[in-house]
Amino acid sequence: MSEETQPTQNLKGQFLVASPWLGDPNFHGGIVYICDHDADGTFGLLINQPLDVSLGEILEQLDMDGGHLEEPVYAGGPVQQERGFVLHPQGREWQSTVTMSDGLQVTTSRDVLQAIGNDVGPERYLVALGYSGWSAGQLEDELAGNAWLTCPASEAILFDTPWQDRYRTVLARMGIEPGQLDQSVGHA
């Protein structure tokens, strides 16, 4: 792989924070956790846009135990919205688990959902339908156009911070007050 095809900065394990400059309504006020970023493109999950359905409702639709679970299910992004992703700390591997370098895993197989429904799955998790994806160079172009801010991800924000507080909490970690963001973000 040549240097030209390498991303200028590897964003794996980072948060992307949508700036007001980003025109895509799918990401307005959004935070994306970047699961993978390389010369082929970028894969991530929105972590602060819950759908109007609980995890328990999804499990019931799949004829699984766990209908009592009230955790939100997130819109992970606009791509393949019928596909489920479970983001969780590293631990047991399921039928379809990918381990990332920052100690987190993404699982796409039903067995992890069944385990969660039976209270034997990962203790901390985030369930999303769909994902956010960028082709090679696309995210870099959006970053150059001031569409996103970036900062290191935090498991505390992913798994312990209520979804409605995540945007403000990430901005605070970056030293930014929400009112400071305007259409000129990133422009000197």
N, C-alpha and C. Protein backbone atom coordinates (compact mmCIF):
# COMPACT_ATOMS: atom_id res chain seq x y z
N MET A 1 0.84 -1.17 0.00
CA MET A 1 0.00 0.00 0.00
C MET A 1 0.89 1.24 0.00
N SER A 2 0.69 2.14 -0.91
CA SER A 2 1.53 3.32 -0.99
C SER A 2 1.10 4.37 0.02
N GLU A 3 2.00 5.33 0.25
CA GLU A 3 1.68 6.40 1.19
C GLU A 3 0.48 7.21 0.72
N GLU A 4 0.32 7.33 -0.60
CA GLU A 4 -0.78 8.12 -1.14
C GLU A 4 -2.14 7.53 -0.77
N THR A 5 -2.23 6.20 -0.60
CA THR A 5 -3.52 5.60 -0.31
C THR A 5 -3.80 5.50 1.19
N GLN A 6 -2.83 5.84 2.01
CA GLN A 6 -3.02 5.80 3.46
C GLN A 6 -3.78 7.04 3.91
N PRO A 7 -4.71 6.90 4.86
CA PRO A 7 -5.34 8.10 5.41
C PRO A 7 -4.28 8.95 6.11
N THR A 8 -4.43 10.27 6.07
CA THR A 8 -3.44 11.14 6.68
C THR A 8 -3.41 10.97 8.20
N GLN A 9 -4.51 10.65 8.79
CA GLN A 9 -4.61 10.43 10.23
C GLN A 9 -5.55 9.26 10.45
N ASN A 10 -5.12 8.27 11.22
CA ASN A 10 -6.00 7.14 11.48
C ASN A 10 -6.97 7.53 12.59
N LEU A 11 -8.24 7.47 12.29
CA LEU A 11 -9.27 7.90 13.23
C LEU A 11 -9.92 6.76 13.98
N LYS A 12 -9.40 5.54 13.81
CA LYS A 12 -9.94 4.38 14.52
C LYS A 12 -9.88 4.66 16.03
N GLY A 13 -11.02 4.40 16.72
CA GLY A 13 -11.07 4.65 18.15
C GLY A 13 -11.30 6.11 18.51
N GLN A 14 -11.73 6.91 17.56
CA GLN A 14 -12.01 8.33 17.78
C GLN A 14 -13.51 8.58 17.71
N PHE A 15 -13.92 9.70 18.26
CA PHE A 15 -15.27 10.20 18.04
C PHE A 15 -15.21 11.23 16.93
N LEU A 16 -16.17 11.18 16.02
CA LEU A 16 -16.41 12.24 15.06
C LEU A 16 -17.61 13.00 15.58
N VAL A 17 -17.48 14.30 15.72
CA VAL A 17 -18.55 15.14 16.22
C VAL A 17 -19.02 16.02 15.07
N ALA A 18 -20.28 15.90 14.71
CA ALA A 18 -20.82 16.68 13.59
C ALA A 18 -20.79 18.16 13.93
N SER A 19 -20.24 18.94 13.03
CA SER A 19 -20.25 20.39 13.22
C SER A 19 -21.45 20.96 12.47
N PRO A 20 -21.82 22.18 12.77
CA PRO A 20 -22.93 22.80 12.03
C PRO A 20 -22.64 22.92 10.54
N TRP A 21 -21.38 22.83 10.16
CA TRP A 21 -20.98 22.94 8.76
C TRP A 21 -21.41 21.71 7.95
N LEU A 22 -21.65 20.58 8.64
CA LEU A 22 -22.06 19.34 7.98
C LEU A 22 -23.51 19.46 7.54
N GLY A 23 -23.76 19.31 6.26
CA GLY A 23 -25.10 19.48 5.72
C GLY A 23 -25.97 18.24 5.74
N ASP A 24 -25.41 17.08 6.01
CA ASP A 24 -26.17 15.83 5.96
C ASP A 24 -27.09 15.71 7.17
N PRO A 25 -28.41 15.69 6.99
CA PRO A 25 -29.34 15.63 8.13
C PRO A 25 -29.23 14.31 8.92
N ASN A 26 -28.69 13.26 8.33
CA ASN A 26 -28.50 12.00 9.06
C ASN A 26 -27.57 12.16 10.25
N PHE A 27 -26.71 13.17 10.20
CA PHE A 27 -25.68 13.31 11.23
C PHE A 27 -25.84 14.58 12.07
N HIS A 28 -26.92 15.34 11.87
CA HIS A 28 -27.09 16.59 12.63
C HIS A 28 -27.02 16.31 14.14
N GLY A 29 -26.09 16.98 14.82
CA GLY A 29 -25.92 16.80 16.26
C GLY A 29 -25.37 15.43 16.63
N GLY A 30 -24.81 14.73 15.67
CA GLY A 30 -24.39 13.35 15.90
C GLY A 30 -22.94 13.19 16.33
N ILE A 31 -22.73 12.06 17.00
CA ILE A 31 -21.39 11.61 17.36
C ILE A 31 -21.24 10.21 16.80
N VAL A 32 -20.17 10.00 16.04
CA VAL A 32 -19.90 8.70 15.46
C VAL A 32 -18.66 8.13 16.12
N TYR A 33 -18.76 6.90 16.60
CA TYR A 33 -17.59 6.18 17.09
C TYR A 33 -16.98 5.48 15.88
N ILE A 34 -15.71 5.73 15.59
CA ILE A 34 -15.03 5.14 14.44
C ILE A 34 -14.48 3.76 14.81
N CYS A 35 -15.06 2.74 14.20
CA CYS A 35 -14.65 1.36 14.43
C CYS A 35 -13.46 0.97 13.57
N ASP A 36 -13.42 1.47 12.34
CA ASP A 36 -12.33 1.13 11.43
C ASP A 36 -12.11 2.28 10.46
N HIS A 37 -10.83 2.54 10.17
CA HIS A 37 -10.46 3.61 9.26
C HIS A 37 -9.14 3.22 8.61
N ASP A 38 -9.18 3.02 7.30
CA ASP A 38 -7.96 2.67 6.60
C ASP A 38 -8.05 3.19 5.16
N ALA A 39 -7.14 2.75 4.32
CA ALA A 39 -7.08 3.24 2.94
C ALA A 39 -8.33 2.88 2.14
N ASP A 40 -9.09 1.88 2.59
CA ASP A 40 -10.30 1.47 1.87
C ASP A 40 -11.54 2.27 2.27
N GLY A 41 -11.48 2.98 3.39
CA GLY A 41 -12.62 3.76 3.83
C GLY A 41 -12.78 3.74 5.35
N THR A 42 -13.96 4.11 5.79
CA THR A 42 -14.22 4.28 7.22
C THR A 42 -15.57 3.67 7.58
N PHE A 43 -15.61 3.03 8.74
CA PHE A 43 -16.81 2.40 9.27
C PHE A 43 -17.00 2.88 10.70
N GLY A 44 -18.21 3.36 11.03
CA GLY A 44 -18.47 3.81 12.38
C GLY A 44 -19.94 3.68 12.74
N LEU A 45 -20.24 3.96 14.00
CA LEU A 45 -21.60 3.87 14.51
C LEU A 45 -21.99 5.17 15.21
N LEU A 46 -23.13 5.73 14.84
CA LEU A 46 -23.68 6.87 15.58
C LEU A 46 -24.04 6.37 16.97
N ILE A 47 -23.73 7.14 17.99
CA ILE A 47 -23.94 6.69 19.37
C ILE A 47 -24.92 7.55 20.16
N ASN A 48 -25.54 8.53 19.52
CA ASN A 48 -26.42 9.41 20.28
C ASN A 48 -27.74 9.73 19.56
N GLN A 49 -28.16 8.83 18.69
CA GLN A 49 -29.43 9.03 18.01
C GLN A 49 -30.30 7.78 18.18
N PRO A 50 -31.00 7.69 19.32
CA PRO A 50 -31.82 6.50 19.57
C PRO A 50 -33.01 6.44 18.62
N LEU A 51 -33.36 5.21 18.28
CA LEU A 51 -34.56 4.96 17.50
C LEU A 51 -35.76 4.92 18.43
N ASP A 52 -36.92 4.86 17.88
CA ASP A 52 -38.15 4.83 18.68
C ASP A 52 -38.52 3.38 19.03
N VAL A 53 -37.52 2.60 19.45
CA VAL A 53 -37.74 1.20 19.79
C VAL A 53 -36.72 0.81 20.86
N SER A 54 -37.14 -0.02 21.80
CA SER A 54 -36.21 -0.47 22.85
C SER A 54 -35.56 -1.78 22.42
N LEU A 55 -34.49 -2.14 23.10
CA LEU A 55 -33.84 -3.41 22.83
C LEU A 55 -34.79 -4.56 23.10
N GLY A 56 -35.58 -4.46 24.16
CA GLY A 56 -36.55 -5.50 24.48
C GLY A 56 -37.54 -5.74 23.34
N GLU A 57 -38.00 -4.67 22.71
CA GLU A 57 -38.92 -4.82 21.58
C GLU A 57 -38.25 -5.53 20.41
N ILE A 58 -37.00 -5.20 20.16
CA ILE A 58 -36.26 -5.87 19.09
C ILE A 58 -36.10 -7.35 19.41
N LEU A 59 -35.73 -7.67 20.65
CA LEU A 59 -35.55 -9.06 21.04
C LEU A 59 -36.86 -9.85 20.90
N GLU A 60 -37.97 -9.23 21.29
CA GLU A 60 -39.27 -9.89 21.13
C GLU A 60 -39.58 -10.15 19.66
N GLN A 61 -39.26 -9.18 18.79
CA GLN A 61 -39.49 -9.35 17.35
C GLN A 61 -38.67 -10.52 16.81
N LEU A 62 -37.52 -10.78 17.43
CA LEU A 62 -36.64 -11.87 17.00
C LEU A 62 -36.94 -13.17 17.75
N ASP A 63 -38.05 -13.19 18.51
CA ASP A 63 -38.44 -14.36 19.31
C ASP A 63 -37.35 -14.78 20.29
N MET A 64 -36.77 -13.80 20.96
CA MET A 64 -35.73 -14.03 21.96
C MET A 64 -36.20 -13.53 23.31
N ASP A 65 -35.61 -14.07 24.37
CA ASP A 65 -35.87 -13.55 25.72
C ASP A 65 -35.28 -12.15 25.82
N GLY A 66 -35.75 -11.40 26.81
CA GLY A 66 -35.21 -10.07 27.07
C GLY A 66 -36.18 -8.95 26.78
N GLY A 67 -37.45 -9.27 26.64
CA GLY A 67 -38.45 -8.26 26.35
C GLY A 67 -38.54 -7.16 27.39
N HIS A 68 -37.98 -7.41 28.56
CA HIS A 68 -38.00 -6.43 29.65
C HIS A 68 -36.92 -5.35 29.49
N LEU A 69 -35.97 -5.54 28.59
CA LEU A 69 -34.85 -4.60 28.45
C LEU A 69 -35.30 -3.29 27.82
N GLU A 70 -35.07 -2.21 28.53
CA GLU A 70 -35.52 -0.89 28.09
C GLU A 70 -34.43 -0.07 27.43
N GLU A 71 -33.23 -0.62 27.26
CA GLU A 71 -32.13 0.14 26.67
C GLU A 71 -32.52 0.59 25.27
N PRO A 72 -32.06 1.78 24.89
CA PRO A 72 -32.36 2.25 23.54
C PRO A 72 -31.56 1.47 22.49
N VAL A 73 -32.10 1.44 21.30
CA VAL A 73 -31.39 0.96 20.12
C VAL A 73 -31.12 2.20 19.29
N TYR A 74 -29.89 2.34 18.79
CA TYR A 74 -29.48 3.55 18.11
C TYR A 74 -29.53 3.40 16.60
N ALA A 75 -29.75 4.52 15.92
CA ALA A 75 -29.58 4.58 14.48
C ALA A 75 -28.08 4.69 14.27
N GLY A 76 -27.43 3.60 13.91
CA GLY A 76 -25.98 3.59 13.76
C GLY A 76 -25.49 4.37 12.56
N GLY A 77 -26.39 4.61 11.63
CA GLY A 77 -26.05 5.36 10.43
C GLY A 77 -27.00 5.02 9.31
N PRO A 78 -26.85 5.69 8.20
CA PRO A 78 -27.80 5.52 7.10
C PRO A 78 -27.57 4.31 6.20
N VAL A 79 -26.51 3.54 6.45
CA VAL A 79 -26.18 2.40 5.59
C VAL A 79 -26.68 1.10 6.22
N GLN A 80 -27.33 0.26 5.45
CA GLN A 80 -27.83 -1.05 5.87
C GLN A 80 -28.57 -0.97 7.22
N GLN A 81 -29.61 -0.18 7.26
CA GLN A 81 -30.33 0.07 8.50
C GLN A 81 -31.05 -1.16 9.05
N GLU A 82 -31.15 -2.20 8.29
CA GLU A 82 -31.77 -3.44 8.77
C GLU A 82 -30.75 -4.33 9.47
N ARG A 83 -29.49 -3.98 9.43
CA ARG A 83 -28.42 -4.81 10.00
C ARG A 83 -28.06 -4.32 11.39
N GLY A 84 -27.93 -5.25 12.34
CA GLY A 84 -27.63 -4.90 13.72
C GLY A 84 -26.16 -5.03 14.06
N PHE A 85 -25.72 -4.14 14.95
CA PHE A 85 -24.33 -4.12 15.43
C PHE A 85 -24.37 -3.96 16.95
N VAL A 86 -23.56 -4.74 17.64
CA VAL A 86 -23.44 -4.61 19.09
C VAL A 86 -21.99 -4.23 19.38
N LEU A 87 -21.82 -3.04 19.93
CA LEU A 87 -20.51 -2.55 20.34
C LEU A 87 -20.36 -2.86 21.82
N HIS A 88 -19.25 -3.49 22.21
CA HIS A 88 -19.07 -3.88 23.61
C HIS A 88 -17.59 -4.00 23.92
N PRO A 89 -17.22 -3.93 25.22
CA PRO A 89 -15.81 -4.10 25.59
C PRO A 89 -15.33 -5.51 25.24
N GLN A 90 -14.04 -5.60 25.06
CA GLN A 90 -13.42 -6.88 24.71
C GLN A 90 -13.69 -7.90 25.80
N GLY A 91 -13.93 -9.11 25.39
CA GLY A 91 -14.23 -10.20 26.30
C GLY A 91 -14.52 -11.43 25.48
N ARG A 92 -15.60 -12.07 25.76
CA ARG A 92 -16.00 -13.26 25.01
C ARG A 92 -16.23 -12.91 23.54
N GLU A 93 -15.83 -13.82 22.67
CA GLU A 93 -16.09 -13.62 21.25
C GLU A 93 -17.31 -14.44 20.87
N TRP A 94 -18.12 -13.87 19.97
CA TRP A 94 -19.34 -14.49 19.51
C TRP A 94 -19.10 -15.00 18.09
N GLN A 95 -20.13 -15.50 17.44
CA GLN A 95 -19.96 -16.07 16.10
C GLN A 95 -19.36 -15.09 15.11
N SER A 96 -19.73 -13.83 15.22
CA SER A 96 -19.23 -12.82 14.28
C SER A 96 -18.78 -11.58 15.05
N THR A 97 -17.58 -11.68 15.62
CA THR A 97 -17.02 -10.59 16.42
C THR A 97 -15.71 -10.12 15.81
N VAL A 98 -15.57 -8.80 15.73
CA VAL A 98 -14.32 -8.20 15.29
C VAL A 98 -13.77 -7.41 16.47
N THR A 99 -12.52 -7.71 16.83
CA THR A 99 -11.87 -7.01 17.93
C THR A 99 -11.09 -5.83 17.36
N MET A 100 -11.27 -4.68 17.98
CA MET A 100 -10.56 -3.48 17.56
C MET A 100 -9.38 -3.24 18.49
N SER A 101 -8.45 -2.42 18.06
CA SER A 101 -7.22 -2.22 18.81
C SER A 101 -7.42 -1.49 20.14
N ASP A 102 -8.54 -0.83 20.33
CA ASP A 102 -8.74 -0.05 21.56
C ASP A 102 -9.49 -0.82 22.65
N GLY A 103 -9.54 -2.14 22.52
CA GLY A 103 -10.17 -2.95 23.56
C GLY A 103 -11.68 -3.10 23.42
N LEU A 104 -12.22 -2.67 22.30
CA LEU A 104 -13.64 -2.82 22.05
C LEU A 104 -13.86 -3.84 20.94
N GLN A 105 -15.07 -4.37 20.88
CA GLN A 105 -15.44 -5.33 19.86
C GLN A 105 -16.77 -4.93 19.25
N VAL A 106 -16.97 -5.32 18.00
CA VAL A 106 -18.26 -5.18 17.33
C VAL A 106 -18.70 -6.59 16.93
N THR A 107 -19.91 -6.94 17.33
CA THR A 107 -20.47 -8.24 17.00
C THR A 107 -21.73 -8.04 16.19
N THR A 108 -21.88 -8.86 15.14
CA THR A 108 -23.05 -8.74 14.27
C THR A 108 -23.90 -10.00 14.25
N SER A 109 -23.55 -11.01 15.03
CA SER A 109 -24.32 -12.25 15.03
C SER A 109 -25.40 -12.24 16.11
N ARG A 110 -26.44 -13.03 15.86
CA ARG A 110 -27.60 -13.10 16.76
C ARG A 110 -27.26 -13.65 18.14
N ASP A 111 -26.20 -14.45 18.23
CA ASP A 111 -25.90 -15.10 19.51
C ASP A 111 -25.61 -14.09 20.62
N VAL A 112 -25.02 -12.95 20.28
CA VAL A 112 -24.76 -11.94 21.31
C VAL A 112 -26.08 -11.34 21.81
N LEU A 113 -27.04 -11.14 20.91
CA LEU A 113 -28.34 -10.62 21.33
C LEU A 113 -29.07 -11.63 22.21
N GLN A 114 -28.98 -12.89 21.84
CA GLN A 114 -29.61 -13.93 22.66
C GLN A 114 -28.99 -13.97 24.05
N ALA A 115 -27.67 -13.83 24.12
CA ALA A 115 -26.99 -13.83 25.41
C ALA A 115 -27.39 -12.61 26.24
N ILE A 116 -27.49 -11.45 25.60
CA ILE A 116 -27.93 -10.24 26.31
C ILE A 116 -29.34 -10.46 26.85
N GLY A 117 -30.23 -11.01 26.05
CA GLY A 117 -31.60 -11.27 26.46
C GLY A 117 -31.70 -12.25 27.62
N ASN A 118 -30.72 -13.14 27.72
CA ASN A 118 -30.68 -14.13 28.81
C ASN A 118 -29.77 -13.69 29.96
N ASP A 119 -29.37 -12.44 29.96
CA ASP A 119 -28.53 -11.86 31.01
C ASP A 119 -27.17 -12.55 31.16
N VAL A 120 -26.63 -13.09 30.07
CA VAL A 120 -25.29 -13.69 30.11
C VAL A 120 -24.38 -13.09 29.04
N GLY A 121 -24.79 -11.97 28.47
CA GLY A 121 -23.99 -11.29 27.44
C GLY A 121 -23.03 -10.30 28.06
N PRO A 122 -22.44 -9.46 27.25
CA PRO A 122 -21.54 -8.43 27.79
C PRO A 122 -22.30 -7.53 28.76
N GLU A 123 -21.63 -7.09 29.83
CA GLU A 123 -22.29 -6.22 30.81
C GLU A 123 -22.56 -4.83 30.25
N ARG A 124 -21.66 -4.35 29.40
CA ARG A 124 -21.79 -3.02 28.81
C ARG A 124 -21.87 -3.19 27.30
N TYR A 125 -22.82 -2.53 26.68
CA TYR A 125 -22.99 -2.66 25.24
C TYR A 125 -23.81 -1.51 24.70
N LEU A 126 -23.73 -1.35 23.41
CA LEU A 126 -24.53 -0.38 22.68
C LEU A 126 -25.00 -1.10 21.42
N VAL A 127 -26.31 -1.10 21.19
CA VAL A 127 -26.89 -1.80 20.04
C VAL A 127 -27.33 -0.74 19.02
N ALA A 128 -26.93 -0.96 17.76
CA ALA A 128 -27.28 -0.03 16.69
C ALA A 128 -27.79 -0.78 15.48
N LEU A 129 -28.71 -0.15 14.79
CA LEU A 129 -29.18 -0.65 13.49
C LEU A 129 -28.61 0.28 12.43
N GLY A 130 -27.92 -0.31 11.46
CA GLY A 130 -27.27 0.48 10.42
C GLY A 130 -25.91 0.97 10.87
N TYR A 131 -25.17 1.48 9.90
CA TYR A 131 -23.84 2.01 10.22
C TYR A 131 -23.55 3.24 9.38
N SER A 132 -22.49 3.91 9.74
CA SER A 132 -22.01 5.09 9.02
C SER A 132 -20.77 4.66 8.25
N GLY A 133 -20.75 4.93 6.97
CA GLY A 133 -19.63 4.51 6.16
C GLY A 133 -19.19 5.58 5.17
N TRP A 134 -17.90 5.61 4.92
CA TRP A 134 -17.31 6.53 3.97
C TRP A 134 -16.37 5.76 3.06
N SER A 135 -16.38 6.07 1.79
CA SER A 135 -15.45 5.43 0.86
C SER A 135 -14.06 6.03 1.04
N ALA A 136 -13.08 5.44 0.41
CA ALA A 136 -11.69 5.90 0.53
C ALA A 136 -11.60 7.39 0.22
N GLY A 137 -11.04 8.15 1.15
CA GLY A 137 -10.83 9.58 0.97
C GLY A 137 -12.04 10.46 1.25
N GLN A 138 -13.22 9.89 1.33
CA GLN A 138 -14.43 10.70 1.52
C GLN A 138 -14.44 11.40 2.88
N LEU A 139 -14.12 10.68 3.95
CA LEU A 139 -14.11 11.31 5.26
C LEU A 139 -13.03 12.38 5.35
N GLU A 140 -11.87 12.11 4.76
CA GLU A 140 -10.79 13.10 4.77
C GLU A 140 -11.25 14.39 4.10
N ASP A 141 -12.00 14.27 2.99
CA ASP A 141 -12.54 15.46 2.32
C ASP A 141 -13.52 16.20 3.23
N GLU A 142 -14.38 15.46 3.94
CA GLU A 142 -15.33 16.09 4.85
C GLU A 142 -14.61 16.78 6.01
N LEU A 143 -13.55 16.16 6.50
CA LEU A 143 -12.76 16.78 7.57
C LEU A 143 -12.11 18.06 7.08
N ALA A 144 -11.59 18.04 5.87
CA ALA A 144 -10.97 19.24 5.29
C ALA A 144 -12.00 20.34 5.09
N GLY A 145 -13.26 19.97 4.89
CA GLY A 145 -14.34 20.94 4.73
C GLY A 145 -14.98 21.34 6.04
N ASN A 146 -14.36 20.98 7.17
CA ASN A 146 -14.83 21.35 8.50
C ASN A 146 -16.19 20.77 8.88
N ALA A 147 -16.52 19.60 8.30
CA ALA A 147 -17.80 18.97 8.61
C ALA A 147 -17.78 18.25 9.95
N TRP A 148 -16.59 17.88 10.42
CA TRP A 148 -16.47 17.09 11.65
C TRP A 148 -15.36 17.63 12.53
N LEU A 149 -15.55 17.45 13.83
CA LEU A 149 -14.50 17.63 14.82
C LEU A 149 -14.13 16.23 15.30
N THR A 150 -12.92 16.03 15.76
CA THR A 150 -12.52 14.71 16.24
C THR A 150 -11.91 14.80 17.62
N CYS A 151 -12.06 13.71 18.37
CA CYS A 151 -11.40 13.58 19.67
C CYS A 151 -11.33 12.11 20.03
N PRO A 152 -10.43 11.73 20.93
CA PRO A 152 -10.36 10.33 21.35
C PRO A 152 -11.67 9.87 21.97
N ALA A 153 -12.04 8.65 21.66
CA ALA A 153 -13.28 8.07 22.21
C ALA A 153 -13.06 7.69 23.67
N SER A 154 -14.16 7.50 24.36
CA SER A 154 -14.14 7.15 25.77
C SER A 154 -15.21 6.09 26.04
N GLU A 155 -14.81 4.99 26.68
CA GLU A 155 -15.79 3.96 27.04
C GLU A 155 -16.82 4.52 28.00
N ALA A 156 -16.43 5.44 28.87
CA ALA A 156 -17.38 6.04 29.81
C ALA A 156 -18.50 6.76 29.06
N ILE A 157 -18.15 7.45 27.98
CA ILE A 157 -19.18 8.14 27.20
C ILE A 157 -20.01 7.12 26.43
N LEU A 158 -19.37 6.11 25.86
CA LEU A 158 -20.09 5.10 25.09
C LEU A 158 -21.11 4.33 25.93
N PHE A 159 -20.70 3.92 27.13
CA PHE A 159 -21.52 2.97 27.88
C PHE A 159 -22.15 3.52 29.16
N ASP A 160 -21.64 4.62 29.69
CA ASP A 160 -22.13 5.11 30.98
C ASP A 160 -22.86 6.45 30.91
N THR A 161 -22.62 7.23 29.87
CA THR A 161 -23.23 8.55 29.76
C THR A 161 -24.57 8.42 29.04
N PRO A 162 -25.65 8.96 29.62
CA PRO A 162 -26.95 8.91 28.93
C PRO A 162 -26.82 9.53 27.54
N TRP A 163 -27.55 8.96 26.57
CA TRP A 163 -27.41 9.40 25.18
C TRP A 163 -27.64 10.89 25.00
N GLN A 164 -28.58 11.46 25.75
CA GLN A 164 -28.91 12.87 25.57
C GLN A 164 -27.80 13.80 26.09
N ASP A 165 -26.85 13.26 26.87
CA ASP A 165 -25.74 14.06 27.39
C ASP A 165 -24.44 13.85 26.62
N ARG A 166 -24.42 12.93 25.69
CA ARG A 166 -23.16 12.57 25.02
C ARG A 166 -22.57 13.72 24.20
N TYR A 167 -23.39 14.40 23.41
CA TYR A 167 -22.88 15.49 22.56
C TYR A 167 -22.23 16.57 23.42
N ARG A 168 -22.95 17.02 24.44
CA ARG A 168 -22.43 18.07 25.32
C ARG A 168 -21.17 17.59 26.04
N THR A 169 -21.16 16.31 26.49
CA THR A 169 -20.03 15.77 27.23
C THR A 169 -18.79 15.67 26.34
N VAL A 170 -18.96 15.23 25.11
CA VAL A 170 -17.82 15.16 24.19
C VAL A 170 -17.29 16.56 23.90
N LEU A 171 -18.18 17.50 23.63
CA LEU A 171 -17.73 18.87 23.39
C LEU A 171 -16.98 19.42 24.60
N ALA A 172 -17.47 19.16 25.80
CA ALA A 172 -16.81 19.63 27.01
C ALA A 172 -15.40 19.03 27.13
N ARG A 173 -15.26 17.76 26.78
CA ARG A 173 -13.92 17.13 26.79
C ARG A 173 -12.98 17.83 25.83
N MET A 174 -13.54 18.43 24.77
CA MET A 174 -12.75 19.13 23.78
C MET A 174 -12.56 20.61 24.15
N GLY A 175 -13.17 21.03 25.26
CA GLY A 175 -13.07 22.42 25.68
C GLY A 175 -13.97 23.36 24.90
N ILE A 176 -15.07 22.84 24.38
CA ILE A 176 -15.99 23.62 23.55
C ILE A 176 -17.35 23.67 24.21
N GLU A 177 -17.93 24.84 24.28
CA GLU A 177 -19.31 25.01 24.70
C GLU A 177 -20.19 24.90 23.45
N PRO A 178 -21.35 24.22 23.54
CA PRO A 178 -22.19 24.08 22.34
C PRO A 178 -22.49 25.41 21.65
N GLY A 179 -22.65 26.48 22.38
CA GLY A 179 -22.93 27.78 21.79
C GLY A 179 -21.77 28.36 20.98
N GLN A 180 -20.58 27.81 21.18
CA GLN A 180 -19.42 28.29 20.43
C GLN A 180 -19.41 27.78 18.98
N LEU A 181 -20.16 26.71 18.74
CA LEU A 181 -20.19 26.15 17.39
C LEU A 181 -21.10 26.99 16.51
N ASP A 182 -20.59 27.34 15.36
CA ASP A 182 -21.42 28.05 14.37
C ASP A 182 -20.93 27.65 12.98
N GLN A 183 -21.45 28.28 11.98
CA GLN A 183 -21.10 27.93 10.62
C GLN A 183 -19.63 28.16 10.29
N SER A 184 -18.89 28.84 11.14
CA SER A 184 -17.48 29.12 10.83
C SER A 184 -16.54 28.19 11.57
N VAL A 185 -17.05 27.11 12.16
CA VAL A 185 -16.20 26.17 12.89
C VAL A 185 -15.02 25.75 12.03
N GLY A 186 -13.83 25.83 12.58
CA GLY A 186 -12.64 25.38 11.88
C GLY A 186 -12.07 26.41 10.92
N HIS A 187 -12.74 27.52 10.68
CA HIS A 187 -12.23 28.55 9.78
C HIS A 187 -11.51 29.62 10.58
N ALA A 188 -10.31 29.94 10.16
CA ALA A 188 -9.53 30.98 10.86
C ALA A 188 -9.92 32.35 10.37
